[in-house]
Amino acid sequence: MGRSACRALLVALRDYRAFDITCQRVLTDNGACYKSRRCARLCQRLGLHHLRTKPYIPQTNMMVYALRLSQ
């Protein structure tokens, strides 16, 4: 992830933790900042499984809701 994307992820995780919400997976698109080694290292360090949506398929936007509801 680019620096700003990594920072945004860390801020979001900290906010979720304040509400006792733990994250195990991160769902992103296939943007270059999410395919980077920096993203892979951050997710590995945080113990997150990084999932990516399929390109050019807007129906995968609903995956976020399905993942959230399955927990």
PDB file of N, CA and C in Angstrom:
ATOM      1  N   MET A   1       0.852  -1.164   0.000  1.00  0.00           N
ATOM      2  CA  MET A   1       0.000   0.000   0.000  1.00  0.00           C
ATOM      3  C   MET A   1       0.894   1.221   0.000  1.00  0.00           C
ATOM      4  N   GLY A   2       0.398   2.255  -0.584  1.00  0.00           N
ATOM      5  CA  GLY A   2       1.118   3.506  -0.458  1.00  0.00           C
ATOM      6  C   GLY A   2       1.091   3.935   0.990  1.00  0.00           C
ATOM      7  N   ARG A   3       1.939   4.889   1.308  1.00  0.00           N
ATOM      8  CA  ARG A   3       1.986   5.321   2.713  1.00  0.00           C
ATOM      9  C   ARG A   3       0.629   5.754   3.228  1.00  0.00           C
ATOM     10  N   SER A   4      -0.109   6.495   2.397  1.00  0.00           N
ATOM     11  CA  SER A   4      -1.413   6.968   2.871  1.00  0.00           C
ATOM     12  C   SER A   4      -2.393   5.808   3.033  1.00  0.00           C
ATOM     13  N   ALA A   5      -2.318   4.799   2.159  1.00  0.00           N
ATOM     14  CA  ALA A   5      -3.208   3.638   2.284  1.00  0.00           C
ATOM     15  C   ALA A   5      -2.862   2.837   3.538  1.00  0.00           C
ATOM     16  N   CYS A   6      -1.578   2.671   3.814  1.00  0.00           N
ATOM     17  CA  CYS A   6      -1.158   1.954   5.029  1.00  0.00           C
ATOM     18  C   CYS A   6      -1.606   2.709   6.270  1.00  0.00           C
ATOM     19  N   ARG A   7      -1.429   4.002   6.234  1.00  0.00           N
ATOM     20  CA  ARG A   7      -1.835   4.822   7.372  1.00  0.00           C
ATOM     21  C   ARG A   7      -3.340   4.734   7.593  1.00  0.00           C
ATOM     22  N   ALA A   8      -4.103   4.766   6.499  1.00  0.00           N
ATOM     23  CA  ALA A   8      -5.561   4.679   6.617  1.00  0.00           C
ATOM     24  C   ALA A   8      -5.980   3.332   7.203  1.00  0.00           C
ATOM     25  N   LEU A   9      -5.310   2.259   6.793  1.00  0.00           N
ATOM     26  CA  LEU A   9      -5.626   0.941   7.345  1.00  0.00           C
ATOM     27  C   LEU A   9      -5.335   0.894   8.837  1.00  0.00           C
ATOM     28  N   LEU A  10      -4.201   1.425   9.247  1.00  0.00           N
ATOM     29  CA  LEU A  10      -3.856   1.422  10.669  1.00  0.00           C
ATOM     30  C   LEU A  10      -4.835   2.244  11.492  1.00  0.00           C
ATOM     31  N   VAL A  11      -5.257   3.381  10.975  1.00  0.00           N
ATOM     32  CA  VAL A  11      -6.233   4.221  11.676  1.00  0.00           C
ATOM     33  C   VAL A  11      -7.569   3.484  11.803  1.00  0.00           C
ATOM     34  N   ALA A  12      -7.985   2.841  10.709  1.00  0.00           N
ATOM     35  CA  ALA A  12      -9.259   2.104  10.742  1.00  0.00           C
ATOM     36  C   ALA A  12      -9.191   0.961  11.747  1.00  0.00           C
ATOM     37  N   LEU A  13      -8.094   0.225  11.762  1.00  0.00           N
ATOM     38  CA  LEU A  13      -7.966  -0.886  12.715  1.00  0.00           C
ATOM     39  C   LEU A  13      -7.977  -0.387  14.156  1.00  0.00           C
ATOM     40  N   ARG A  14      -7.331   0.745  14.393  1.00  0.00           N
ATOM     41  CA  ARG A  14      -7.334   1.315  15.744  1.00  0.00           C
ATOM     42  C   ARG A  14      -8.748   1.737  16.144  1.00  0.00           C
ATOM     43  N   ASP A  15      -9.477   2.337  15.219  1.00  0.00           N
ATOM     44  CA  ASP A  15     -10.858   2.728  15.514  1.00  0.00           C
ATOM     45  C   ASP A  15     -11.738   1.514  15.783  1.00  0.00           C
ATOM     46  N   TYR A  16     -11.584   0.467  14.987  1.00  0.00           N
ATOM     47  CA  TYR A  16     -12.366  -0.752  15.205  1.00  0.00           C
ATOM     48  C   TYR A  16     -12.039  -1.372  16.558  1.00  0.00           C
ATOM     49  N   ARG A  17     -10.756  -1.356  16.917  1.00  0.00           N
ATOM     50  CA  ARG A  17     -10.350  -1.942  18.193  1.00  0.00           C
ATOM     51  C   ARG A  17     -10.997  -1.202  19.361  1.00  0.00           C
ATOM     52  N   ALA A  18     -11.235   0.098  19.213  1.00  0.00           N
ATOM     53  CA  ALA A  18     -11.897   0.878  20.265  1.00  0.00           C
ATOM     54  C   ALA A  18     -13.314   0.378  20.519  1.00  0.00           C
ATOM     55  N   PHE A  19     -13.912  -0.249  19.511  1.00  0.00           N
ATOM     56  CA  PHE A  19     -15.253  -0.814  19.648  1.00  0.00           C
ATOM     57  C   PHE A  19     -15.217  -2.329  19.843  1.00  0.00           C
ATOM     58  N   ASP A  20     -14.053  -2.873  20.200  1.00  0.00           N
ATOM     59  CA  ASP A  20     -13.850  -4.313  20.403  1.00  0.00           C
ATOM     60  C   ASP A  20     -14.151  -5.125  19.147  1.00  0.00           C
ATOM     61  N   ILE A  21     -13.839  -4.560  17.993  1.00  0.00           N
ATOM     62  CA  ILE A  21     -13.995  -5.267  16.720  1.00  0.00           C
ATOM     63  C   ILE A  21     -12.610  -5.690  16.260  1.00  0.00           C
ATOM     64  N   THR A  22     -12.426  -6.974  16.036  1.00  0.00           N
ATOM     65  CA  THR A  22     -11.143  -7.457  15.532  1.00  0.00           C
ATOM     66  C   THR A  22     -11.282  -7.807  14.058  1.00  0.00           C
ATOM     67  N   CYS A  23     -10.253  -7.535  13.315  1.00  0.00           N
ATOM     68  CA  CYS A  23     -10.246  -7.800  11.872  1.00  0.00           C
ATOM     69  C   CYS A  23      -9.301  -8.959  11.581  1.00  0.00           C
ATOM     70  N   GLN A  24      -9.760  -9.831  10.705  1.00  0.00           N
ATOM     71  CA  GLN A  24      -8.933 -10.958  10.280  1.00  0.00           C
ATOM     72  C   GLN A  24      -8.605 -10.878   8.802  1.00  0.00           C
ATOM     73  N   ARG A  25      -9.440 -10.130   8.050  1.00  0.00           N
ATOM     74  CA  ARG A  25      -9.273 -10.034   6.604  1.00  0.00           C
ATOM     75  C   ARG A  25      -9.398  -8.589   6.159  1.00  0.00           C
ATOM     76  N   VAL A  26      -8.739  -8.297   5.049  1.00  0.00           N
ATOM     77  CA  VAL A  26      -8.848  -6.986   4.415  1.00  0.00           C
ATOM     78  C   VAL A  26      -9.257  -7.227   2.972  1.00  0.00           C
ATOM     79  N   LEU A  27     -10.313  -6.556   2.524  1.00  0.00           N
ATOM     80  CA  LEU A  27     -10.800  -6.698   1.157  1.00  0.00           C
ATOM     81  C   LEU A  27     -10.532  -5.402   0.409  1.00  0.00           C
ATOM     82  N   THR A  28      -9.735  -5.490  -0.669  1.00  0.00           N
ATOM     83  CA  THR A  28      -9.398  -4.307  -1.462  1.00  0.00           C
ATOM     84  C   THR A  28      -9.594  -4.602  -2.936  1.00  0.00           C
ATOM     85  N   ASP A  29      -9.471  -3.544  -3.727  1.00  0.00           N
ATOM     86  CA  ASP A  29      -9.466  -3.745  -5.168  1.00  0.00           C
ATOM     87  C   ASP A  29      -8.039  -4.101  -5.592  1.00  0.00           C
ATOM     88  N   ASN A  30      -7.756  -4.065  -6.867  1.00  0.00           N
ATOM     89  CA  ASN A  30      -6.445  -4.462  -7.367  1.00  0.00           C
ATOM     90  C   ASN A  30      -5.557  -3.264  -7.690  1.00  0.00           C
ATOM     91  N   GLY A  31      -5.737  -2.197  -6.969  1.00  0.00           N
ATOM     92  CA  GLY A  31      -4.913  -1.014  -7.178  1.00  0.00           C
ATOM     93  C   GLY A  31      -3.454  -1.301  -6.864  1.00  0.00           C
ATOM     94  N   ALA A  32      -2.584  -0.553  -7.515  1.00  0.00           N
ATOM     95  CA  ALA A  32      -1.141  -0.772  -7.347  1.00  0.00           C
ATOM     96  C   ALA A  32      -0.711  -0.639  -5.891  1.00  0.00           C
ATOM     97  N   CYS A  33      -1.325   0.286  -5.158  1.00  0.00           N
ATOM     98  CA  CYS A  33      -0.924   0.476  -3.759  1.00  0.00           C
ATOM     99  C   CYS A  33      -1.277  -0.738  -2.911  1.00  0.00           C
ATOM    100  N   TYR A  34      -2.273  -1.522  -3.337  1.00  0.00           N
ATOM    101  CA  TYR A  34      -2.665  -2.704  -2.575  1.00  0.00           C
ATOM    102  C   TYR A  34      -1.908  -3.951  -3.009  1.00  0.00           C
ATOM    103  N   LYS A  35      -1.256  -3.915  -4.157  1.00  0.00           N
ATOM    104  CA  LYS A  35      -0.480  -5.058  -4.635  1.00  0.00           C
ATOM    105  C   LYS A  35       0.993  -4.959  -4.240  1.00  0.00           C
ATOM    106  N   SER A  36       1.362  -3.895  -3.597  1.00  0.00           N
ATOM    107  CA  SER A  36       2.768  -3.627  -3.292  1.00  0.00           C
ATOM    108  C   SER A  36       3.306  -4.531  -2.189  1.00  0.00           C
ATOM    109  N   ARG A  37       4.620  -4.586  -2.127  1.00  0.00           N
ATOM    110  CA  ARG A  37       5.274  -5.356  -1.053  1.00  0.00           C
ATOM    111  C   ARG A  37       4.992  -4.739   0.303  1.00  0.00           C
ATOM    112  N   ARG A  38       4.860  -3.425   0.315  1.00  0.00           N
ATOM    113  CA  ARG A  38       4.561  -2.737   1.576  1.00  0.00           C
ATOM    114  C   ARG A  38       3.231  -3.226   2.142  1.00  0.00           C
ATOM    115  N   CYS A  39       2.251  -3.396   1.266  1.00  0.00           N
ATOM    116  CA  CYS A  39       0.945  -3.903   1.692  1.00  0.00           C
ATOM    117  C   CYS A  39       1.072  -5.327   2.215  1.00  0.00           C
ATOM    118  N   ALA A  40       1.812  -6.157   1.494  1.00  0.00           N
ATOM    119  CA  ALA A  40       1.987  -7.547   1.910  1.00  0.00           C
ATOM    120  C   ALA A  40       2.666  -7.633   3.274  1.00  0.00           C
ATOM    121  N   ARG A  41       3.699  -6.820   3.468  1.00  0.00           N
ATOM    122  CA  ARG A  41       4.413  -6.831   4.757  1.00  0.00           C
ATOM    123  C   ARG A  41       3.524  -6.353   5.894  1.00  0.00           C
ATOM    124  N   LEU A  42       2.755  -5.299   5.639  1.00  0.00           N
ATOM    125  CA  LEU A  42       1.882  -4.775   6.682  1.00  0.00           C
ATOM    126  C   LEU A  42       0.817  -5.791   7.074  1.00  0.00           C
ATOM    127  N   CYS A  43       0.183  -6.386   6.074  1.00  0.00           N
ATOM    128  CA  CYS A  43      -0.851  -7.383   6.372  1.00  0.00           C
ATOM    129  C   CYS A  43      -0.260  -8.582   7.104  1.00  0.00           C
ATOM    130  N   GLN A  44       0.928  -9.004   6.684  1.00  0.00           N
ATOM    131  CA  GLN A  44       1.573 -10.140   7.351  1.00  0.00           C
ATOM    132  C   GLN A  44       1.916  -9.783   8.793  1.00  0.00           C
ATOM    133  N   ARG A  45       2.452  -8.604   8.997  1.00  0.00           N
ATOM    134  CA  ARG A  45       2.822  -8.175  10.344  1.00  0.00           C
ATOM    135  C   ARG A  45       1.600  -8.066  11.260  1.00  0.00           C
ATOM    136  N   LEU A  46       0.472  -7.660  10.690  1.00  0.00           N
ATOM    137  CA  LEU A  46      -0.749  -7.516  11.482  1.00  0.00           C
ATOM    138  C   LEU A  46      -1.563  -8.795  11.571  1.00  0.00           C
ATOM    139  N   GLY A  47      -1.128  -9.835  10.846  1.00  0.00           N
ATOM    140  CA  GLY A  47      -1.847 -11.102  10.865  1.00  0.00           C
ATOM    141  C   GLY A  47      -3.149 -11.063  10.095  1.00  0.00           C
ATOM    142  N   LEU A  48      -3.216 -10.231   9.056  1.00  0.00           N
ATOM    143  CA  LEU A  48      -4.425 -10.086   8.253  1.00  0.00           C
ATOM    144  C   LEU A  48      -4.312 -10.881   6.960  1.00  0.00           C
ATOM    145  N   HIS A  49      -5.401 -11.476   6.557  1.00  0.00           N
ATOM    146  CA  HIS A  49      -5.477 -12.165   5.270  1.00  0.00           C
ATOM    147  C   HIS A  49      -5.991 -11.156   4.253  1.00  0.00           C
ATOM    148  N   HIS A  50      -5.206 -10.895   3.215  1.00  0.00           N
ATOM    149  CA  HIS A  50      -5.557  -9.879   2.223  1.00  0.00           C
ATOM    150  C   HIS A  50      -6.310 -10.512   1.060  1.00  0.00           C
ATOM    151  N   LEU A  51      -7.558 -10.115   0.883  1.00  0.00           N
ATOM    152  CA  LEU A  51      -8.385 -10.577  -0.228  1.00  0.00           C
ATOM    153  C   LEU A  51      -8.540  -9.446  -1.226  1.00  0.00           C
ATOM    154  N   ARG A  52      -8.582  -9.805  -2.509  1.00  0.00           N
ATOM    155  CA  ARG A  52      -8.772  -8.805  -3.553  1.00  0.00           C
ATOM    156  C   ARG A  52     -10.010  -9.129  -4.365  1.00  0.00           C
ATOM    157  N   THR A  53     -10.688  -8.093  -4.811  1.00  0.00           N
ATOM    158  CA  THR A  53     -11.852  -8.292  -5.669  1.00  0.00           C
ATOM    159  C   THR A  53     -11.378  -8.585  -7.090  1.00  0.00           C
ATOM    160  N   LYS A  54     -12.240  -9.195  -7.874  1.00  0.00           N
ATOM    161  CA  LYS A  54     -11.916  -9.443  -9.276  1.00  0.00           C
ATOM    162  C   LYS A  54     -12.041  -8.127 -10.040  1.00  0.00           C
ATOM    163  N   PRO A  55     -11.139  -7.876 -10.972  1.00  0.00           N
ATOM    164  CA  PRO A  55     -11.207  -6.604 -11.702  1.00  0.00           C
ATOM    165  C   PRO A  55     -12.432  -6.505 -12.613  1.00  0.00           C
ATOM    166  N   TYR A  56     -12.951  -5.296 -12.706  1.00  0.00           N
ATOM    167  CA  TYR A  56     -14.047  -4.952 -13.617  1.00  0.00           C
ATOM    168  C   TYR A  56     -15.344  -5.694 -13.331  1.00  0.00           C
ATOM    169  N   ILE A  57     -15.543  -6.122 -12.100  1.00  0.00           N
ATOM    170  CA  ILE A  57     -16.790  -6.789 -11.734  1.00  0.00           C
ATOM    171  C   ILE A  57     -17.389  -6.034 -10.546  1.00  0.00           C
ATOM    172  N   PRO A  58     -18.297  -5.102 -10.820  1.00  0.00           N
ATOM    173  CA  PRO A  58     -18.827  -4.285  -9.721  1.00  0.00           C
ATOM    174  C   PRO A  58     -19.646  -5.071  -8.707  1.00  0.00           C
ATOM    175  N   GLN A  59     -20.088  -6.267  -9.045  1.00  0.00           N
ATOM    176  CA  GLN A  59     -20.871  -7.060  -8.097  1.00  0.00           C
ATOM    177  C   GLN A  59     -20.058  -7.433  -6.866  1.00  0.00           C
ATOM    178  N   THR A  60     -18.734  -7.421  -6.984  1.00  0.00           N
ATOM    179  CA  THR A  60     -17.912  -7.786  -5.828  1.00  0.00           C
ATOM    180  C   THR A  60     -17.971  -6.725  -4.736  1.00  0.00           C
ATOM    181  N   ASN A  61     -18.535  -5.567  -5.031  1.00  0.00           N
ATOM    182  CA  ASN A  61     -18.715  -4.566  -3.976  1.00  0.00           C
ATOM    183  C   ASN A  61     -19.588  -5.121  -2.860  1.00  0.00           C
ATOM    184  N   MET A  62     -20.476  -6.030  -3.186  1.00  0.00           N
ATOM    185  CA  MET A  62     -21.347  -6.633  -2.175  1.00  0.00           C
ATOM    186  C   MET A  62     -20.598  -7.633  -1.294  1.00  0.00           C
ATOM    187  N   MET A  63     -19.367  -8.024  -1.692  1.00  0.00           N
ATOM    188  CA  MET A  63     -18.595  -8.967  -0.882  1.00  0.00           C
ATOM    189  C   MET A  63     -18.328  -8.395   0.506  1.00  0.00           C
ATOM    190  N   VAL A  64     -18.158  -7.111   0.595  1.00  0.00           N
ATOM    191  CA  VAL A  64     -17.887  -6.481   1.888  1.00  0.00           C
ATOM    192  C   VAL A  64     -19.035  -6.764   2.840  1.00  0.00           C
ATOM    193  N   TYR A  65     -20.238  -6.602   2.354  1.00  0.00           N
ATOM    194  CA  TYR A  65     -21.393  -6.839   3.203  1.00  0.00           C
ATOM    195  C   TYR A  65     -21.544  -8.314   3.542  1.00  0.00           C
ATOM    196  N   ALA A  66     -21.270  -9.179   2.588  1.00  0.00           N
ATOM    197  CA  ALA A  66     -21.376 -10.621   2.854  1.00  0.00           C
ATOM    198  C   ALA A  66     -20.348 -11.064   3.880  1.00  0.00           C
ATOM    199  N   LEU A  67     -19.129 -10.548   3.782  1.00  0.00           N
ATOM    200  CA  LEU A  67     -18.098 -10.904   4.760  1.00  0.00           C
ATOM    201  C   LEU A  67     -18.469 -10.389   6.153  1.00  0.00           C
ATOM    202  N   ARG A  68     -19.022  -9.201   6.211  1.00  0.00           N
ATOM    203  CA  ARG A  68     -19.395  -8.624   7.498  1.00  0.00           C
ATOM    204  C   ARG A  68     -20.543  -9.375   8.131  1.00  0.00           C
ATOM    205  N   LEU A  69     -21.506  -9.779   7.327  1.00  0.00           N
ATOM    206  CA  LEU A  69     -22.667 -10.486   7.854  1.00  0.00           C
ATOM    207  C   LEU A  69     -22.339 -11.912   8.265  1.00  0.00           C
ATOM    208  N   SER A  70     -21.283 -12.494   7.702  1.00  0.00           N
ATOM    209  CA  SER A  70     -20.951 -13.879   8.013  1.00  0.00           C
ATOM    210  C   SER A  70     -20.267 -14.018   9.364  1.00  0.00           C
ATOM    211  N   GLN A  71     -19.926 -12.915   9.993  1.00  0.00           N
ATOM    212  CA  GLN A  71     -19.217 -13.010  11.270  1.00  0.00           C
ATOM    213  C   GLN A  71     -20.153 -12.935  12.427  1.00  0.00           C
TER     214      GLN A  71
END
